[in-house]
């Protein structure tokens, strides 16, 4: 049986700064906090959503 060593692929593009960056976000629904102290980064080309 053939054996192949594990190798990580090289990244195809350099890491870029996030297109959207949020720090310490708090969201209220009326008087009730529903999200608090959220840090969030979205890189270019990524689709992201908060559902709930």
PDB file of N, CA and C in Angstrom:
ATOM      1  N   UNK A   1       0.844  -1.167   0.000  1.00  0.00           N
ATOM      2  CA  UNK A   1       0.000   0.000   0.000  1.00  0.00           C
ATOM      3  C   UNK A   1       0.897   1.239   0.000  1.00  0.00           C
ATOM      4  N   UNK A   2       0.566   2.198  -0.833  1.00  0.00           N
ATOM      5  CA  UNK A   2       1.345   3.436  -0.932  1.00  0.00           C
ATOM      6  C   UNK A   2       1.045   4.341   0.252  1.00  0.00           C
ATOM      7  N   UNK A   3       2.030   5.086   0.655  1.00  0.00           N
ATOM      8  CA  UNK A   3       1.890   6.019   1.770  1.00  0.00           C
ATOM      9  C   UNK A   3       2.324   7.398   1.292  1.00  0.00           C
ATOM     10  N   UNK A   4       1.549   8.412   1.652  1.00  0.00           N
ATOM     11  CA  UNK A   4       1.851   9.778   1.239  1.00  0.00           C
ATOM     12  C   UNK A   4       1.996  10.653   2.475  1.00  0.00           C
ATOM     13  N   UNK A   5       3.060  11.430   2.570  1.00  0.00           N
ATOM     14  CA  UNK A   5       3.204  12.315   3.735  1.00  0.00           C
ATOM     15  C   UNK A   5       2.167  13.431   3.687  1.00  0.00           C
ATOM     16  N   UNK A   6       1.739  13.849   4.857  1.00  0.00           N
ATOM     17  CA  UNK A   6       0.776  14.946   4.953  1.00  0.00           C
ATOM     18  C   UNK A   6       1.483  16.255   4.632  1.00  0.00           C
ATOM     19  N   UNK A   7       0.894  17.038   3.757  1.00  0.00           N
ATOM     20  CA  UNK A   7       1.458  18.346   3.413  1.00  0.00           C
ATOM     21  C   UNK A   7       0.333  19.359   3.343  1.00  0.00           C
ATOM     22  N   UNK A   8       0.568  20.503   3.918  1.00  0.00           N
ATOM     23  CA  UNK A   8      -0.428  21.576   3.843  1.00  0.00           C
ATOM     24  C   UNK A   8      -0.236  22.332   2.542  1.00  0.00           C
ATOM     25  N   UNK A   9      -1.336  22.663   1.869  1.00  0.00           N
ATOM     26  CA  UNK A   9      -1.201  23.440   0.628  1.00  0.00           C
ATOM     27  C   UNK A   9      -0.732  24.859   0.932  1.00  0.00           C
ATOM     28  N   UNK A  10       0.030  25.402   0.030  1.00  0.00           N
ATOM     29  CA  UNK A  10       0.474  26.784   0.165  1.00  0.00           C
ATOM     30  C   UNK A  10      -0.711  27.708  -0.108  1.00  0.00           C
ATOM     31  N   UNK A  11      -0.840  28.801   0.640  1.00  0.00           N
ATOM     32  CA  UNK A  11      -1.935  29.732   0.357  1.00  0.00           C
ATOM     33  C   UNK A  11      -1.778  30.324  -1.035  1.00  0.00           C
ATOM     34  N   UNK A  12      -2.899  30.471  -1.733  1.00  0.00           N
ATOM     35  CA  UNK A  12      -2.850  30.975  -3.100  1.00  0.00           C
ATOM     36  C   UNK A  12      -2.747  32.494  -3.157  1.00  0.00           C
ATOM     37  N   UNK A  13      -3.124  33.162  -2.083  1.00  0.00           N
ATOM     38  CA  UNK A  13      -3.065  34.621  -2.059  1.00  0.00           C
ATOM     39  C   UNK A  13      -2.580  35.062  -0.682  1.00  0.00           C
ATOM     40  N   UNK A  14      -1.907  36.196  -0.626  1.00  0.00           N
ATOM     41  CA  UNK A  14      -1.464  36.678   0.681  1.00  0.00           C
ATOM     42  C   UNK A  14      -2.655  37.048   1.561  1.00  0.00           C
ATOM     43  N   UNK A  15      -2.480  36.930   2.867  1.00  0.00           N
ATOM     44  CA  UNK A  15      -3.546  37.286   3.801  1.00  0.00           C
ATOM     45  C   UNK A  15      -3.759  38.788   3.735  1.00  0.00           C
ATOM     46  N   UNK A  16      -5.022  39.187   3.622  1.00  0.00           N
ATOM     47  CA  UNK A  16      -5.362  40.598   3.499  1.00  0.00           C
ATOM     48  C   UNK A  16      -6.075  41.066   4.759  1.00  0.00           C
ATOM     49  N   UNK A  17      -6.107  42.364   4.932  1.00  0.00           N
ATOM     50  CA  UNK A  17      -6.862  42.949   6.031  1.00  0.00           C
ATOM     51  C   UNK A  17      -8.342  42.683   5.812  1.00  0.00           C
ATOM     52  N   UNK A  18      -9.127  42.588   6.894  1.00  0.00           N
ATOM     53  CA  UNK A  18     -10.559  42.360   6.724  1.00  0.00           C
ATOM     54  C   UNK A  18     -11.224  43.531   6.014  1.00  0.00           C
ATOM     55  N   UNK A  19     -12.270  43.225   5.245  1.00  0.00           N
ATOM     56  CA  UNK A  19     -13.045  44.265   4.566  1.00  0.00           C
ATOM     57  C   UNK A  19     -13.982  44.924   5.567  1.00  0.00           C
ATOM     58  N   UNK A  20     -14.534  44.124   6.480  1.00  0.00           N
ATOM     59  CA  UNK A  20     -15.405  44.625   7.541  1.00  0.00           C
ATOM     60  C   UNK A  20     -14.819  44.171   8.871  1.00  0.00           C
ATOM     61  N   UNK A  21     -14.703  45.098   9.798  1.00  0.00           N
ATOM     62  CA  UNK A  21     -14.226  44.754  11.135  1.00  0.00           C
ATOM     63  C   UNK A  21     -15.078  45.477  12.166  1.00  0.00           C
ATOM     64  N   UNK A  22     -15.605  44.723  13.125  1.00  0.00           N
ATOM     65  CA  UNK A  22     -16.445  45.266  14.191  1.00  0.00           C
ATOM     66  C   UNK A  22     -15.772  44.919  15.514  1.00  0.00           C
ATOM     67  N   UNK A  23     -15.734  45.888  16.429  1.00  0.00           N
ATOM     68  CA  UNK A  23     -15.127  45.657  17.736  1.00  0.00           C
ATOM     69  C   UNK A  23     -16.071  46.139  18.829  1.00  0.00           C
ATOM     70  N   UNK A  24     -16.288  45.301  19.841  1.00  0.00           N
ATOM     71  CA  UNK A  24     -17.117  45.639  21.009  1.00  0.00           C
ATOM     72  C   UNK A  24     -18.547  46.021  20.626  1.00  0.00           C
ATOM     73  N   UNK A  25     -19.143  45.308  19.684  1.00  0.00           N
ATOM     74  CA  UNK A  25     -20.512  45.575  19.237  1.00  0.00           C
ATOM     75  C   UNK A  25     -21.509  45.051  20.264  1.00  0.00           C
ATOM     76  N   UNK A  26     -22.499  45.869  20.607  1.00  0.00           N
ATOM     77  CA  UNK A  26     -23.613  45.453  21.449  1.00  0.00           C
ATOM     78  C   UNK A  26     -24.898  45.798  20.715  1.00  0.00           C
ATOM     79  N   UNK A  27     -25.828  44.839  20.648  1.00  0.00           N
ATOM     80  CA  UNK A  27     -27.111  45.037  19.971  1.00  0.00           C
ATOM     81  C   UNK A  27     -28.217  44.834  20.997  1.00  0.00           C
ATOM     82  N   UNK A  28     -29.155  45.782  21.040  1.00  0.00           N
ATOM     83  CA  UNK A  28     -30.277  45.717  21.974  1.00  0.00           C
ATOM     84  C   UNK A  28     -31.569  45.441  21.211  1.00  0.00           C
ATOM     85  N   UNK A  29     -32.462  44.688  21.810  1.00  0.00           N
ATOM     86  CA  UNK A  29     -33.816  44.490  21.304  1.00  0.00           C
ATOM     87  C   UNK A  29     -34.724  45.053  22.377  1.00  0.00           C
ATOM     88  N   UNK A  30     -35.162  46.301  22.166  1.00  0.00           N
ATOM     89  CA  UNK A  30     -35.855  47.015  23.240  1.00  0.00           C
ATOM     90  C   UNK A  30     -34.840  47.340  24.325  1.00  0.00           C
ATOM     91  N   UNK A  31     -35.139  46.945  25.555  1.00  0.00           N
ATOM     92  CA  UNK A  31     -34.215  47.165  26.671  1.00  0.00           C
ATOM     93  C   UNK A  31     -33.321  45.959  26.937  1.00  0.00           C
ATOM     94  N   UNK A  32     -33.452  44.906  26.139  1.00  0.00           N
ATOM     95  CA  UNK A  32     -32.721  43.655  26.380  1.00  0.00           C
ATOM     96  C   UNK A  32     -31.528  43.532  25.431  1.00  0.00           C
ATOM     97  N   UNK A  33     -30.310  43.362  25.978  1.00  0.00           N
ATOM     98  CA  UNK A  33     -29.163  43.112  25.106  1.00  0.00           C
ATOM     99  C   UNK A  33     -29.241  41.697  24.529  1.00  0.00           C
ATOM    100  N   UNK A  34     -29.082  41.582  23.217  1.00  0.00           N
ATOM    101  CA  UNK A  34     -29.125  40.267  22.568  1.00  0.00           C
ATOM    102  C   UNK A  34     -27.748  39.844  22.065  1.00  0.00           C
ATOM    103  N   UNK A  35     -26.875  40.772  21.830  1.00  0.00           N
ATOM    104  CA  UNK A  35     -25.460  40.522  21.537  1.00  0.00           C
ATOM    105  C   UNK A  35     -24.669  41.538  22.348  1.00  0.00           C
ATOM    106  N   UNK A  36     -23.531  41.110  22.910  1.00  0.00           N
ATOM    107  CA  UNK A  36     -22.721  42.074  23.643  1.00  0.00           C
ATOM    108  C   UNK A  36     -21.243  41.741  23.496  1.00  0.00           C
ATOM    109  N   UNK A  37     -20.466  42.815  23.366  1.00  0.00           N
ATOM    110  CA  UNK A  37     -19.005  42.714  23.250  1.00  0.00           C
ATOM    111  C   UNK A  37     -18.552  41.786  22.123  1.00  0.00           C
ATOM    112  N   UNK A  38     -19.184  41.895  20.965  1.00  0.00           N
ATOM    113  CA  UNK A  38     -18.851  41.041  19.825  1.00  0.00           C
ATOM    114  C   UNK A  38     -17.721  41.677  19.018  1.00  0.00           C
ATOM    115  N   UNK A  39     -16.701  40.890  18.707  1.00  0.00           N
ATOM    116  CA  UNK A  39     -15.640  41.278  17.777  1.00  0.00           C
ATOM    117  C   UNK A  39     -15.804  40.391  16.547  1.00  0.00           C
ATOM    118  N   UNK A  40     -15.782  40.991  15.361  1.00  0.00           N
ATOM    119  CA  UNK A  40     -16.113  40.253  14.155  1.00  0.00           C
ATOM    120  C   UNK A  40     -15.297  40.800  12.999  1.00  0.00           C
ATOM    121  N   UNK A  41     -14.675  39.917  12.234  1.00  0.00           N
ATOM    122  CA  UNK A  41     -13.931  40.306  11.038  1.00  0.00           C
ATOM    123  C   UNK A  41     -14.422  39.478   9.864  1.00  0.00           C
ATOM    124  N   UNK A  42     -14.636  40.137   8.731  1.00  0.00           N
ATOM    125  CA  UNK A  42     -15.062  39.457   7.513  1.00  0.00           C
ATOM    126  C   UNK A  42     -14.027  39.745   6.432  1.00  0.00           C
ATOM    127  N   UNK A  43     -13.296  38.721   5.981  1.00  0.00           N
ATOM    128  CA  UNK A  43     -12.315  38.929   4.921  1.00  0.00           C
ATOM    129  C   UNK A  43     -12.985  39.108   3.559  1.00  0.00           C
ATOM    130  N   UNK A  44     -12.240  39.638   2.618  1.00  0.00           N
ATOM    131  CA  UNK A  44     -12.743  39.828   1.256  1.00  0.00           C
ATOM    132  C   UNK A  44     -13.179  38.496   0.672  1.00  0.00           C
ATOM    133  N   UNK A  45     -14.320  38.493  -0.017  1.00  0.00           N
ATOM    134  CA  UNK A  45     -14.801  37.296  -0.694  1.00  0.00           C
ATOM    135  C   UNK A  45     -15.570  36.332   0.184  1.00  0.00           C
ATOM    136  N   UNK A  46     -15.806  36.680   1.452  1.00  0.00           N
ATOM    137  CA  UNK A  46     -16.521  35.789   2.368  1.00  0.00           C
ATOM    138  C   UNK A  46     -17.894  36.367   2.657  1.00  0.00           C
ATOM    139  N   UNK A  47     -18.912  35.527   2.594  1.00  0.00           N
ATOM    140  CA  UNK A  47     -20.281  35.909   2.928  1.00  0.00           C
ATOM    141  C   UNK A  47     -20.570  35.365   4.316  1.00  0.00           C
ATOM    142  N   UNK A  48     -20.981  36.233   5.238  1.00  0.00           N
ATOM    143  CA  UNK A  48     -21.186  35.821   6.615  1.00  0.00           C
ATOM    144  C   UNK A  48     -22.471  36.446   7.134  1.00  0.00           C
ATOM    145  N   UNK A  49     -23.184  35.732   8.013  1.00  0.00           N
ATOM    146  CA  UNK A  49     -24.429  36.244   8.583  1.00  0.00           C
ATOM    147  C   UNK A  49     -24.552  35.808  10.030  1.00  0.00           C
ATOM    148  N   UNK A  50     -25.274  36.597  10.810  1.00  0.00           N
ATOM    149  CA  UNK A  50     -25.636  36.222  12.175  1.00  0.00           C
ATOM    150  C   UNK A  50     -27.122  35.902  12.136  1.00  0.00           C
ATOM    151  N   UNK A  51     -27.473  34.690  12.518  1.00  0.00           N
ATOM    152  CA  UNK A  51     -28.867  34.245  12.475  1.00  0.00           C
ATOM    153  C   UNK A  51     -29.252  33.761  13.865  1.00  0.00           C
ATOM    154  N   UNK A  52     -30.436  34.139  14.279  1.00  0.00           N
ATOM    155  CA  UNK A  52     -30.859  33.611  15.575  1.00  0.00           C
ATOM    156  C   UNK A  52     -31.895  34.456  16.234  1.00  0.00           C
TER     157      UNK A  52
END
